[in-house]
């Protein structure tokens, strides 16, 4: 599930659609946080993904 939302965010960024990328990130962010809380991924990995996605969206 986590990878699905990350792929949607990446696809929107690569397409250059800032609105879709922002919406995809808004759904992926709480999911990444939840997976980090449950121990599925490390909290720093979740933070790194969120930071890189945010930077990529700002660069659009």
PDB file of N, CA and C in Angstrom:
ATOM      1  N   UNK A   1       0.825  -1.187   0.000  1.00  0.00           N
ATOM      2  CA  UNK A   1       0.000   0.000   0.000  1.00  0.00           C
ATOM      3  C   UNK A   1       0.872   1.254   0.000  1.00  0.00           C
ATOM      4  N   UNK A   2       1.925   1.216   0.782  1.00  0.00           N
ATOM      5  CA  UNK A   2       2.811   2.373   0.865  1.00  0.00           C
ATOM      6  C   UNK A   2       3.471   2.637  -0.489  1.00  0.00           C
ATOM      7  N   UNK A   3       3.926   1.571  -1.129  1.00  0.00           N
ATOM      8  CA  UNK A   3       4.603   1.736  -2.418  1.00  0.00           C
ATOM      9  C   UNK A   3       3.656   2.266  -3.486  1.00  0.00           C
ATOM     10  N   UNK A   4       2.395   1.891  -3.402  1.00  0.00           N
ATOM     11  CA  UNK A   4       1.409   2.356  -4.378  1.00  0.00           C
ATOM     12  C   UNK A   4       1.283   3.868  -4.334  1.00  0.00           C
ATOM     13  N   UNK A   5       1.146   4.419  -3.129  1.00  0.00           N
ATOM     14  CA  UNK A   5       0.991   5.864  -3.000  1.00  0.00           C
ATOM     15  C   UNK A   5       2.286   6.596  -3.330  1.00  0.00           C
ATOM     16  N   UNK A   6       3.420   5.968  -3.040  1.00  0.00           N
ATOM     17  CA  UNK A   6       4.691   6.589  -3.409  1.00  0.00           C
ATOM     18  C   UNK A   6       4.833   6.630  -4.933  1.00  0.00           C
ATOM     19  N   UNK A   7       4.413   5.549  -5.602  1.00  0.00           N
ATOM     20  CA  UNK A   7       4.486   5.510  -7.063  1.00  0.00           C
ATOM     21  C   UNK A   7       3.569   6.552  -7.687  1.00  0.00           C
ATOM     22  N   UNK A   8       2.389   6.752  -7.100  1.00  0.00           N
ATOM     23  CA  UNK A   8       1.471   7.772  -7.612  1.00  0.00           C
ATOM     24  C   UNK A   8       2.085   9.162  -7.482  1.00  0.00           C
ATOM     25  N   UNK A   9       2.775   9.408  -6.369  1.00  0.00           N
ATOM     26  CA  UNK A   9       3.429  10.695  -6.162  1.00  0.00           C
ATOM     27  C   UNK A   9       4.552  10.888  -7.172  1.00  0.00           C
ATOM     28  N   UNK A  10       5.357   9.864  -7.369  1.00  0.00           N
ATOM     29  CA  UNK A  10       6.468   9.938  -8.317  1.00  0.00           C
ATOM     30  C   UNK A  10       5.950  10.155  -9.737  1.00  0.00           C
ATOM     31  N   UNK A  11       4.885   9.450 -10.099  1.00  0.00           N
ATOM     32  CA  UNK A  11       4.319   9.590 -11.445  1.00  0.00           C
ATOM     33  C   UNK A  11       3.810  11.006 -11.683  1.00  0.00           C
ATOM     34  N   UNK A  12       3.178  11.593 -10.676  1.00  0.00           N
ATOM     35  CA  UNK A  12       2.668  12.961 -10.821  1.00  0.00           C
ATOM     36  C   UNK A  12       3.813  13.958 -10.937  1.00  0.00           C
ATOM     37  N   UNK A  13       4.886  13.732 -10.192  1.00  0.00           N
ATOM     38  CA  UNK A  13       6.048  14.626 -10.259  1.00  0.00           C
ATOM     39  C   UNK A  13       6.700  14.527 -11.637  1.00  0.00           C
ATOM     40  N   UNK A  14       6.871  13.296 -12.135  1.00  0.00           N
ATOM     41  CA  UNK A  14       7.500  13.112 -13.442  1.00  0.00           C
ATOM     42  C   UNK A  14       6.646  13.672 -14.570  1.00  0.00           C
ATOM     43  N   UNK A  15       5.328  13.662 -14.377  1.00  0.00           N
ATOM     44  CA  UNK A  15       4.431  14.218 -15.389  1.00  0.00           C
ATOM     45  C   UNK A  15       4.433  15.742 -15.358  1.00  0.00           C
ATOM     46  N   UNK A  16       4.940  16.313 -14.274  1.00  0.00           N
ATOM     47  CA  UNK A  16       5.001  17.766 -14.159  1.00  0.00           C
ATOM     48  C   UNK A  16       3.701  18.386 -13.688  1.00  0.00           C
ATOM     49  N   UNK A  17       2.808  17.578 -13.164  1.00  0.00           N
ATOM     50  CA  UNK A  17       1.507  18.057 -12.689  1.00  0.00           C
ATOM     51  C   UNK A  17       1.612  18.399 -11.203  1.00  0.00           C
ATOM     52  N   UNK A  18       1.774  19.684 -10.912  1.00  0.00           N
ATOM     53  CA  UNK A  18       2.009  20.115  -9.536  1.00  0.00           C
ATOM     54  C   UNK A  18       0.801  19.866  -8.641  1.00  0.00           C
ATOM     55  N   UNK A  19      -0.402  20.101  -9.155  1.00  0.00           N
ATOM     56  CA  UNK A  19      -1.608  19.904  -8.342  1.00  0.00           C
ATOM     57  C   UNK A  19      -1.809  18.434  -7.997  1.00  0.00           C
ATOM     58  N   UNK A  20      -1.622  17.557  -8.970  1.00  0.00           N
ATOM     59  CA  UNK A  20      -1.775  16.122  -8.725  1.00  0.00           C
ATOM     60  C   UNK A  20      -0.682  15.615  -7.789  1.00  0.00           C
ATOM     61  N   UNK A  21       0.529  16.137  -7.950  1.00  0.00           N
ATOM     62  CA  UNK A  21       1.629  15.724  -7.085  1.00  0.00           C
ATOM     63  C   UNK A  21       1.384  16.161  -5.651  1.00  0.00           C
ATOM     64  N   UNK A  22       0.864  17.367  -5.472  1.00  0.00           N
ATOM     65  CA  UNK A  22       0.555  17.860  -4.130  1.00  0.00           C
ATOM     66  C   UNK A  22      -0.540  17.016  -3.491  1.00  0.00           C
ATOM     67  N   UNK A  23      -1.551  16.664  -4.267  1.00  0.00           N
ATOM     68  CA  UNK A  23      -2.632  15.826  -3.743  1.00  0.00           C
ATOM     69  C   UNK A  23      -2.124  14.426  -3.399  1.00  0.00           C
ATOM     70  N   UNK A  24      -1.264  13.871  -4.241  1.00  0.00           N
ATOM     71  CA  UNK A  24      -0.714  12.542  -3.981  1.00  0.00           C
ATOM     72  C   UNK A  24       0.169  12.554  -2.742  1.00  0.00           C
ATOM     73  N   UNK A  25       0.930  13.629  -2.573  1.00  0.00           N
ATOM     74  CA  UNK A  25       1.778  13.738  -1.387  1.00  0.00           C
ATOM     75  C   UNK A  25       0.936  13.875  -0.130  1.00  0.00           C
ATOM     76  N   UNK A  26      -0.185  14.571  -0.233  1.00  0.00           N
ATOM     77  CA  UNK A  26      -1.065  14.739   0.926  1.00  0.00           C
ATOM     78  C   UNK A  26      -1.640  13.405   1.388  1.00  0.00           C
ATOM     79  N   UNK A  27      -1.831  12.469   0.477  1.00  0.00           N
ATOM     80  CA  UNK A  27      -2.314  11.149   0.878  1.00  0.00           C
ATOM     81  C   UNK A  27      -1.170  10.233   1.300  1.00  0.00           C
ATOM     82  N   UNK A  28       0.013  10.431   0.731  1.00  0.00           N
ATOM     83  CA  UNK A  28       1.145   9.565   1.046  1.00  0.00           C
ATOM     84  C   UNK A  28       1.795   9.917   2.378  1.00  0.00           C
ATOM     85  N   UNK A  29       1.765  11.189   2.764  1.00  0.00           N
ATOM     86  CA  UNK A  29       2.445  11.624   3.981  1.00  0.00           C
ATOM     87  C   UNK A  29       1.926  10.929   5.243  1.00  0.00           C
ATOM     88  N   UNK A  30       0.613  10.938   5.510  1.00  0.00           N
ATOM     89  CA  UNK A  30       0.161  10.238   6.717  1.00  0.00           C
ATOM     90  C   UNK A  30       0.392   8.735   6.648  1.00  0.00           C
ATOM     91  N   UNK A  31       0.373   8.183   5.438  1.00  0.00           N
ATOM     92  CA  UNK A  31       0.628   6.761   5.286  1.00  0.00           C
ATOM     93  C   UNK A  31       2.075   6.432   5.645  1.00  0.00           C
ATOM     94  N   UNK A  32       3.013   7.256   5.181  1.00  0.00           N
ATOM     95  CA  UNK A  32       4.420   7.053   5.527  1.00  0.00           C
ATOM     96  C   UNK A  32       4.628   7.174   7.033  1.00  0.00           C
ATOM     97  N   UNK A  33       3.973   8.162   7.643  1.00  0.00           N
ATOM     98  CA  UNK A  33       4.094   8.330   9.089  1.00  0.00           C
ATOM     99  C   UNK A  33       3.542   7.116   9.834  1.00  0.00           C
ATOM    100  N   UNK A  34       2.427   6.594   9.356  1.00  0.00           N
ATOM    101  CA  UNK A  34       1.814   5.433  10.000  1.00  0.00           C
ATOM    102  C   UNK A  34       2.717   4.213   9.885  1.00  0.00           C
ATOM    103  N   UNK A  35       3.330   4.010   8.723  1.00  0.00           N
ATOM    104  CA  UNK A  35       4.219   2.866   8.535  1.00  0.00           C
ATOM    105  C   UNK A  35       5.476   2.996   9.398  1.00  0.00           C
ATOM    106  N   UNK A  36       5.937   4.224   9.595  1.00  0.00           N
ATOM    107  CA  UNK A  36       7.095   4.442  10.463  1.00  0.00           C
ATOM    108  C   UNK A  36       6.722   4.179  11.918  1.00  0.00           C
ATOM    109  N   UNK A  37       5.522   4.576  12.320  1.00  0.00           N
ATOM    110  CA  UNK A  37       5.072   4.352  13.691  1.00  0.00           C
ATOM    111  C   UNK A  37       4.931   2.864  13.975  1.00  0.00           C
ATOM    112  N   UNK A  38       4.449   2.118  12.997  1.00  0.00           N
ATOM    113  CA  UNK A  38       4.255   0.679  13.177  1.00  0.00           C
ATOM    114  C   UNK A  38       5.562  -0.100  13.063  1.00  0.00           C
ATOM    115  N   UNK A  39       6.626   0.563  12.636  1.00  0.00           N
ATOM    116  CA  UNK A  39       7.922  -0.094  12.546  1.00  0.00           C
ATOM    117  C   UNK A  39       8.175  -0.767  11.210  1.00  0.00           C
ATOM    118  N   UNK A  40       7.321  -0.520  10.230  1.00  0.00           N
ATOM    119  CA  UNK A  40       7.511  -1.126   8.920  1.00  0.00           C
ATOM    120  C   UNK A  40       8.729  -0.526   8.222  1.00  0.00           C
ATOM    121  N   UNK A  41       8.907   0.788   8.376  1.00  0.00           N
ATOM    122  CA  UNK A  41      10.092   1.474   7.873  1.00  0.00           C
ATOM    123  C   UNK A  41      10.636   2.348   9.005  1.00  0.00           C
ATOM    124  N   UNK A  42      11.880   2.739   8.885  1.00  0.00           N
ATOM    125  CA  UNK A  42      12.485   3.596   9.899  1.00  0.00           C
ATOM    126  C   UNK A  42      11.924   5.010   9.772  1.00  0.00           C
ATOM    127  N   UNK A  43      11.841   5.710  10.895  1.00  0.00           N
ATOM    128  CA  UNK A  43      11.263   7.065  10.869  1.00  0.00           C
ATOM    129  C   UNK A  43      12.090   8.015  10.018  1.00  0.00           C
ATOM    130  N   UNK A  44      13.403   7.816   9.970  1.00  0.00           N
ATOM    131  CA  UNK A  44      14.242   8.681   9.140  1.00  0.00           C
ATOM    132  C   UNK A  44      14.002   8.432   7.651  1.00  0.00           C
ATOM    133  N   UNK A  45      13.684   7.188   7.302  1.00  0.00           N
ATOM    134  CA  UNK A  45      13.379   6.883   5.902  1.00  0.00           C
ATOM    135  C   UNK A  45      12.089   7.574   5.490  1.00  0.00           C
ATOM    136  N   UNK A  46      11.102   7.567   6.355  1.00  0.00           N
ATOM    137  CA  UNK A  46       9.839   8.257   6.066  1.00  0.00           C
ATOM    138  C   UNK A  46      10.089   9.752   5.904  1.00  0.00           C
ATOM    139  N   UNK A  47      10.884  10.317   6.789  1.00  0.00           N
ATOM    140  CA  UNK A  47      11.190  11.748   6.726  1.00  0.00           C
ATOM    141  C   UNK A  47      11.959  12.081   5.449  1.00  0.00           C
ATOM    142  N   UNK A  48      12.865  11.203   5.057  1.00  0.00           N
ATOM    143  CA  UNK A  48      13.652  11.428   3.844  1.00  0.00           C
ATOM    144  C   UNK A  48      12.758  11.427   2.604  1.00  0.00           C
ATOM    145  N   UNK A  49      11.843  10.470   2.533  1.00  0.00           N
ATOM    146  CA  UNK A  49      10.924  10.421   1.392  1.00  0.00           C
ATOM    147  C   UNK A  49      10.057  11.670   1.334  1.00  0.00           C
ATOM    148  N   UNK A  50       9.522  12.067   2.470  1.00  0.00           N
ATOM    149  CA  UNK A  50       8.660  13.252   2.497  1.00  0.00           C
ATOM    150  C   UNK A  50       9.435  14.497   2.081  1.00  0.00           C
ATOM    151  N   UNK A  51      10.662  14.633   2.557  1.00  0.00           N
ATOM    152  CA  UNK A  51      11.472  15.807   2.229  1.00  0.00           C
ATOM    153  C   UNK A  51      11.823  15.839   0.742  1.00  0.00           C
ATOM    154  N   UNK A  52      12.173  14.693   0.187  1.00  0.00           N
ATOM    155  CA  UNK A  52      12.545  14.648  -1.232  1.00  0.00           C
ATOM    156  C   UNK A  52      11.342  14.900  -2.131  1.00  0.00           C
ATOM    157  N   UNK A  53      10.186  14.340  -1.751  1.00  0.00           N
ATOM    158  CA  UNK A  53       8.977  14.598  -2.531  1.00  0.00           C
ATOM    159  C   UNK A  53       8.611  16.071  -2.480  1.00  0.00           C
ATOM    160  N   UNK A  54       8.692  16.669  -1.298  1.00  0.00           N
ATOM    161  CA  UNK A  54       8.347  18.083  -1.147  1.00  0.00           C
ATOM    162  C   UNK A  54       9.285  18.958  -1.973  1.00  0.00           C
ATOM    163  N   UNK A  55      10.576  18.654  -1.935  1.00  0.00           N
ATOM    164  CA  UNK A  55      11.548  19.431  -2.707  1.00  0.00           C
ATOM    165  C   UNK A  55      11.296  19.286  -4.206  1.00  0.00           C
ATOM    166  N   UNK A  56      10.949  18.084  -4.642  1.00  0.00           N
ATOM    167  CA  UNK A  56      10.687  17.861  -6.065  1.00  0.00           C
ATOM    168  C   UNK A  56       9.438  18.614  -6.518  1.00  0.00           C
ATOM    169  N   UNK A  57       8.430  18.660  -5.654  1.00  0.00           N
ATOM    170  CA  UNK A  57       7.202  19.383  -6.004  1.00  0.00           C
ATOM    171  C   UNK A  57       7.461  20.882  -6.052  1.00  0.00           C
ATOM    172  N   UNK A  58       8.265  21.383  -5.129  1.00  0.00           N
ATOM    173  CA  UNK A  58       8.590  22.815  -5.137  1.00  0.00           C
ATOM    174  C   UNK A  58       9.363  23.195  -6.390  1.00  0.00           C
ATOM    175  N   UNK A  59      10.148  22.266  -6.927  1.00  0.00           N
ATOM    176  CA  UNK A  59      10.960  22.546  -8.107  1.00  0.00           C
ATOM    177  C   UNK A  59      10.135  22.560  -9.393  1.00  0.00           C
ATOM    178  N   UNK A  60       8.898  22.089  -9.339  1.00  0.00           N
ATOM    179  CA  UNK A  60       8.057  22.070 -10.552  1.00  0.00           C
ATOM    180  C   UNK A  60       7.670  23.472 -10.975  1.00  0.00           C
TER     181      UNK A  60
END
